[in-house]
Protein backbone atom coordinates (compact mmCIF):
# COMPACT_ATOMS: atom_id res chain seq x y z
CA MET A 1 7.99 -16.05 -9.40
CA TYR A 2 5.26 -13.76 -8.62
CA HIS A 3 2.82 -17.66 -8.31
CA ILE A 4 5.81 -18.88 -6.56
CA VAL A 5 5.67 -16.05 -3.70
CA TYR A 6 1.82 -15.83 -4.14
CA GLY A 7 1.76 -19.98 -3.35
CA LEU A 8 3.67 -19.70 -0.45
CA LEU A 9 1.87 -16.67 0.96
CA TYR A 10 -1.63 -18.96 0.72
CA VAL A 11 -0.46 -21.27 2.48
CA PHE A 12 1.35 -18.91 4.96
CA SER A 13 -2.35 -17.31 5.73
CA LEU A 14 -3.91 -20.04 6.29
CA LEU A 15 -3.03 -20.36 9.77
CA PRO A 16 -5.62 -18.97 11.85
CA LEU A 17 -5.03 -15.43 12.61
CA GLN A 18 -4.57 -15.49 16.36
CA VAL A 19 -1.29 -18.12 15.31
CA LEU A 20 -0.17 -15.51 12.56
CA TYR A 21 -0.29 -12.52 15.33
CA LEU A 22 2.52 -14.60 17.10
CA PHE A 23 4.23 -14.44 13.86
CA SER A 24 3.57 -10.51 13.51
CA ASP A 25 5.39 -10.56 17.69
CA PHE A 26 8.33 -11.48 16.28
CA ALA A 27 8.47 -8.94 13.30
CA PHE A 28 7.68 -6.19 16.02
CA PHE A 29 10.70 -7.26 18.03
CA ILE A 30 13.05 -7.66 14.72
CA VAL A 31 11.82 -4.36 12.98
CA TYR A 32 11.74 -1.91 16.25
CA TYR A 33 14.92 -3.60 18.26
CA ILE A 34 16.76 -4.82 15.54
CA ILE A 35 16.63 -3.49 12.39
CA GLY A 36 15.22 -0.35 13.72
CA TYR A 37 13.26 -0.09 9.96
CA ARG A 38 12.85 3.77 10.13
CA LYS A 39 12.94 4.12 13.89
CA GLN A 40 14.87 7.91 13.89
CA VAL A 41 12.30 8.63 11.11
CA VAL A 42 9.33 7.39 13.83
CA LEU A 43 10.86 9.75 16.69
CA ASN A 44 11.34 12.26 15.45
CA ASN A 45 7.88 13.11 14.01
CA LEU A 46 6.84 11.84 17.26
CA ARG A 47 8.81 14.10 19.17
CA GLN A 48 7.67 17.38 16.22
CA ALA A 49 4.18 16.62 17.03
CA PHE A 50 4.17 15.83 20.90
CA PRO A 51 6.52 17.70 22.15
CA GLU A 52 4.30 18.00 25.72
CA LYS A 53 4.94 14.33 26.33
CA SER A 54 7.81 12.69 27.57
CA GLU A 55 10.46 10.82 25.78
CA SER A 56 9.17 8.15 27.16
CA GLU A 57 5.61 8.90 26.46
CA ARG A 58 6.41 8.99 23.03
CA ILE A 59 8.39 5.37 22.82
CA LYS A 60 5.55 4.20 24.30
CA ILE A 61 3.51 5.77 20.83
CA ALA A 62 6.23 4.57 18.82
CA LYS A 63 5.67 0.66 20.09
CA LYS A 64 2.48 0.75 19.48
CA PHE A 65 2.85 1.85 15.97
CA TYR A 66 4.96 -0.77 15.13
CA ARG A 67 2.51 -3.00 16.10
CA ASN A 68 -0.12 -1.40 14.38
CA PHE A 69 2.32 -1.84 11.38
CA THR A 70 3.32 -5.63 11.86
CA ASP A 71 -0.10 -6.40 12.46
CA THR A 72 -1.25 -4.69 9.24
CA PHE A 73 1.00 -7.06 6.88
CA ILE A 74 0.38 -10.50 8.77
CA GLU A 75 -3.47 -8.91 8.24
CA THR A 76 -3.08 -8.52 4.68
CA ILE A 77 -1.52 -11.71 3.83
CA LYS A 78 -4.43 -13.36 5.52
CA MET A 79 -6.47 -11.57 3.14
CA ILE A 80 -5.30 -14.18 0.77
CA SER A 81 -7.11 -16.76 1.39
CA VAL A 82 -10.11 -15.92 3.37
CA PRO A 83 -13.53 -14.76 1.94
CA ASP A 84 -14.70 -11.55 2.19
CA SER A 85 -17.10 -12.55 4.69
CA TYR A 86 -14.33 -13.71 7.28
CA ILE A 87 -13.23 -8.95 7.22
CA GLN A 88 -16.61 -8.30 6.95
CA LYS A 89 -16.80 -9.59 10.33
CA ARG A 90 -13.52 -7.52 11.61
CA VAL A 91 -14.52 -4.50 10.21
CA HIS A 92 -17.46 -1.77 10.74
CA ALA A 93 -18.06 0.21 8.01
CA ASN A 94 -21.41 1.88 8.33
CA THR A 95 -21.11 3.76 4.82
CA ASP A 96 -24.94 4.68 4.96
CA LEU A 97 -23.85 8.96 5.16
CA VAL A 98 -21.45 7.62 1.64
CA ASN A 99 -25.01 6.08 0.13
CA ARG A 100 -27.24 8.93 0.79
CA PHE A 101 -25.55 11.04 -1.80
CA TYR A 102 -26.08 8.55 -4.25
CA GLU A 103 -29.74 9.41 -5.17
CA SER A 104 -28.81 12.75 -5.76
CA GLY A 105 -26.36 11.25 -9.02
CA ARG A 106 -23.22 13.36 -7.28
CA SER A 107 -20.20 12.12 -6.94
CA VAL A 108 -18.20 12.04 -3.68
CA GLN A 109 -14.00 12.30 -2.49
CA LEU A 110 -13.28 10.35 0.32
CA LEU A 111 -10.19 12.01 1.89
CA LEU A 112 -8.10 9.88 4.76
CA GLY A 113 -4.92 9.86 6.26
CA HIS A 114 -2.46 6.51 6.39
CA ASN A 115 -4.68 4.95 9.69
CA PHE A 116 -4.19 1.42 9.75
CA ASN A 117 -5.75 -1.13 8.59
CA TRP A 118 -6.41 1.04 5.27
CA GLU A 119 -6.25 -2.87 3.45
CA TRP A 120 -8.90 -3.81 5.46
CA ALA A 121 -10.92 -1.31 5.02
CA ASN A 122 -11.09 -0.77 1.37
CA ASN A 123 -12.67 -4.85 1.59
CA VAL A 124 -15.29 -3.44 3.53
CA VAL A 125 -16.36 0.15 1.96
CA SER A 126 -16.01 -1.03 -1.45
CA LYS A 127 -18.50 -3.85 -0.54
CA ASN A 128 -20.66 -1.66 0.92
CA LEU A 129 -20.78 1.28 -1.52
CA LYS A 130 -23.56 2.27 -4.29
CA ALA A 131 -21.24 3.40 -6.11
CA LEU A 132 -18.20 3.08 -8.36
CA PHE A 133 -15.09 3.28 -6.08
CA LEU A 134 -12.01 4.19 -7.30
CA ALA A 135 -9.17 3.99 -4.85
CA VAL A 136 -5.71 6.01 -5.94
CA TYR A 137 -2.72 4.93 -4.78
CA MET A 138 1.00 4.45 -4.91
CA PRO A 139 2.80 1.71 -7.21
CA ILE A 140 4.84 -0.81 -5.29
CA THR A 141 8.99 -0.83 -6.56
CA ASN A 142 8.89 -4.64 -6.29
CA LYS A 143 6.50 -5.70 -9.48
CA VAL A 144 6.03 -8.96 -7.60
CA MET A 145 4.78 -6.49 -4.48
CA ASP A 146 2.88 -4.21 -6.87
CA ARG A 147 0.86 -7.55 -8.62
CA LEU A 148 -0.02 -9.10 -5.36
CA PHE A 149 -1.87 -5.81 -3.75
CA TYR A 150 -2.93 -5.18 -6.91
CA LYS A 151 -5.21 -8.09 -6.69
CA LEU A 152 -6.46 -7.66 -3.03
CA ARG A 153 -6.94 -3.91 -3.30
CA SER A 154 -9.08 -4.75 -6.26
CA ARG A 155 -11.01 -8.16 -5.56
CA ASN A 156 -14.20 -6.55 -4.70
CA GLY A 157 -14.43 -4.22 -7.60
CA THR A 158 -12.29 -1.13 -6.18
CA LYS A 159 -11.21 0.22 -9.66
CA LEU A 160 -6.96 1.88 -8.88
CA ILE A 161 -5.75 4.52 -10.17
CA PRO A 162 -1.87 5.30 -9.86
CA ALA A 163 -1.09 8.48 -8.07
CA THR A 164 2.12 8.76 -10.78
CA LYS A 165 -0.36 8.68 -13.46
CA MET A 166 -3.44 9.89 -12.17
CA ARG A 167 -4.72 12.68 -14.64
CA GLU A 168 -4.50 10.15 -17.84
CA ALA A 169 -5.85 6.92 -15.37
CA PHE A 170 -8.76 8.73 -13.90
CA LEU A 171 -10.38 9.98 -17.37
CA PRO A 172 -12.28 7.04 -18.19
CA TYR A 173 -14.43 7.69 -14.55
CA ARG A 174 -14.66 11.21 -14.96
CA ASP A 175 -18.05 11.77 -16.32
CA LEU A 176 -19.24 8.51 -14.16
CA GLN A 177 -20.75 8.71 -10.79
CA TYR A 178 -18.02 7.58 -8.58
CA VAL A 179 -17.01 7.74 -4.78
CA LEU A 180 -13.00 8.48 -5.29
CA ALA A 181 -10.49 7.87 -1.87
CA LEU A 182 -7.54 9.86 -1.61
CA ALA A 183 -5.11 9.49 1.46
CA ALA A 184 -4.84 13.57 1.27
CA ASP A 185 -1.76 13.68 3.83
CA GLN A 186 0.76 12.17 0.81
CA SER A 187 4.13 14.33 0.47
CA PRO A 188 3.47 16.43 -2.37
CA GLY A 189 6.26 15.93 -5.02
CA ASP A 190 7.02 19.51 -5.82
CA PRO A 191 6.62 21.57 -2.70
CA SER A 192 6.53 24.70 -4.34
CA ASN A 193 3.45 23.94 -5.91
CA ALA A 194 1.09 22.79 -2.84
CA TRP A 195 -0.12 24.69 -0.47
CA TRP A 196 2.24 25.12 3.55
CA PHE A 197 -0.51 24.26 6.66
CA ASP A 198 0.98 24.53 9.90
CA PHE A 199 0.32 21.30 10.67
CA LEU A 200 1.17 19.10 14.22
CA GLY A 201 3.80 22.27 15.23
CA LYS A 202 5.73 22.75 11.92
CA PRO A 203 5.16 24.04 8.10
CA ALA A 204 4.02 21.25 5.97
CA PRO A 205 2.53 20.57 2.21
CA PHE A 206 -0.55 19.42 0.89
CA VAL A 207 -1.30 18.90 -2.09
CA LYS A 208 -3.80 21.05 -4.16
CA GLY A 209 -5.26 18.40 -6.30
CA PRO A 210 -8.03 17.08 -3.97
CA GLU A 211 -9.24 20.51 -3.70
CA LYS A 212 -9.15 21.98 -7.04
CA ALA A 213 -10.96 18.91 -8.04
CA ALA A 214 -14.00 18.96 -5.69
CA ARG A 215 -14.45 23.14 -6.28
CA SER A 216 -14.40 22.03 -9.98
CA LYS A 217 -16.82 19.84 -9.85
CA ASN A 218 -18.45 20.72 -6.79
CA THR A 219 -17.61 17.72 -5.63
CA ILE A 220 -19.07 15.94 -2.08
CA ILE A 221 -16.02 15.75 0.81
CA VAL A 222 -16.56 13.03 3.23
CA PHE A 223 -13.73 13.14 5.81
CA THR A 224 -13.18 9.18 6.64
CA TYR A 225 -10.21 7.62 9.39
CA ILE A 226 -10.01 4.19 10.85
CA HIS A 227 -10.00 3.04 14.53
CA LYS A 228 -9.00 0.07 15.99
CA LEU A 229 -11.20 -1.59 18.85
CA LYS A 230 -8.55 -4.33 19.79
CA ARG A 231 -6.40 -6.48 17.63
CA GLY A 232 -8.06 -7.10 14.26
CA HIS A 233 -11.33 -5.31 14.83
CA TYR A 234 -11.75 -1.87 13.21
CA GLU A 235 -13.75 0.41 12.32
CA VAL A 236 -14.06 3.39 9.50
CA VAL A 237 -15.39 6.51 10.21
CA PHE A 238 -17.49 9.12 8.01
CA SER A 239 -18.41 12.60 8.43
CA LEU A 240 -19.25 15.12 6.20
CA GLY A 241 -16.53 17.39 5.50
CA GLU A 242 -18.32 19.76 2.77
CA GLU A 243 -21.75 19.31 0.61
CA ASN A 244 -20.31 22.51 -1.75
CA PRO A 245 -17.05 22.61 -1.68
CA ILE A 246 -17.83 25.46 -4.92
CA THR A 247 -18.98 27.89 -1.81
CA LEU A 248 -15.79 28.05 0.38
CA PRO A 249 -12.64 30.54 -0.61
CA GLU A 250 -9.87 28.43 -1.86
CA THR A 251 -7.69 26.72 0.51
CA GLU A 252 -10.59 26.64 2.75
CA LEU A 253 -11.29 22.89 2.32
CA THR A 254 -7.78 21.87 2.41
CA LYS A 255 -7.91 23.92 5.47
CA LYS A 256 -10.41 21.53 7.30
CA PHE A 257 -8.87 18.92 6.17
CA VAL A 258 -5.55 19.01 8.19
CA GLN A 259 -7.53 19.98 10.79
CA TYR A 260 -9.54 17.35 11.05
CA LEU A 261 -6.34 14.80 10.81
CA GLU A 262 -4.78 16.48 13.02
CA ASN A 263 -7.49 16.06 15.39
CA VAL A 264 -8.01 12.63 14.14
CA ILE A 265 -3.65 12.17 14.87
CA ARG A 266 -3.44 13.50 18.62
CA GLN A 267 -6.59 11.22 19.52
CA TYR A 268 -5.88 7.99 17.80
CA PRO A 269 -1.23 8.29 17.93
CA ASP A 270 -0.44 4.95 17.23
CA MET A 271 -2.87 4.21 14.05
CA TRP A 272 -1.29 7.25 12.07
CA LEU A 273 2.19 6.20 9.51
CA TRP A 274 4.86 7.58 10.86
CA SER A 275 7.28 6.57 9.04
CA HIS A 276 6.48 8.51 6.35
CA ARG A 277 8.29 11.88 6.05
CA ARG A 278 5.77 13.63 6.84
CA TRP A 279 8.63 16.52 7.28
CA LYS A 280 11.04 15.83 5.20
CA HIS A 281 10.70 19.04 2.38
CA GLU A 282 11.45 23.09 4.64
CA TRP A 283 9.13 25.86 3.62
CA LYS A 284 11.02 28.59 2.09
CA PRO A 285 9.40 32.10 1.85
CA GLU A 286 9.28 31.44 -1.97
CA PHE A 287 6.61 28.76 -1.39
CA GLY A 288 3.99 30.83 -0.04
CA GLU A 289 2.25 32.20 2.87
CA ILE A 290 2.27 28.70 5.84
CA ILE A 291 -1.50 28.94 6.40
CA LYS A 292 -3.07 28.53 9.88
């Protein structure tokens, strides 16, 4: 089944990108107007995050989000048949900030949110890093699609670490110099074992793992987001989060990331994955204090 699906998608991906975007426009119409995929989740999230905006303004953001959503899927399919140089021309990623730490022998942890288009960004960033590139990913339930995305995400040498088996999968690399990419806005499976922050106006849990790992090995933290310049063109932006995490008090590093992520979302609201149920857990007093 995998080879059949791959073959069909390969032929489809040979179409010019501008033609593929017509399919994306059609998919947007179906997903937003007909199916309404997680539409209420998206709109409720936007109401939570932007109470100061009118409903029409939030709907406008939602529509842009869904267009970015379908564009990302189409652009990912395009990756099947195009060379790396095709994507390199469309995605600018100044990795100098990350690469300058290579000579020091220290590892780097990239913390980012679920920003479009992370598939193209991975392709370009992995191609331009000096250190071994590790990326944590969530396996897809559908085995055919999981195999396809694994192939696309690892084709430039990215070593994929499944989030479901992260500790075990990370062991072979723990003593090497690496750059580890983490979508640190992932909702934790156990809300009682998380740090709770005031995030976009409502308490939300954040996983402790990225900060604890960074502090234990004093791993350099670089914050990252992806900016859409225009359709089919992106910029990956890096900024130093903390050079010496071990010097910070507990929760401070995660707090800095939460504030960074919130600022990015407010600046580019249509680029974040609003269909992600970030507030699916309700805070309870036994979870500990809400960090502000």
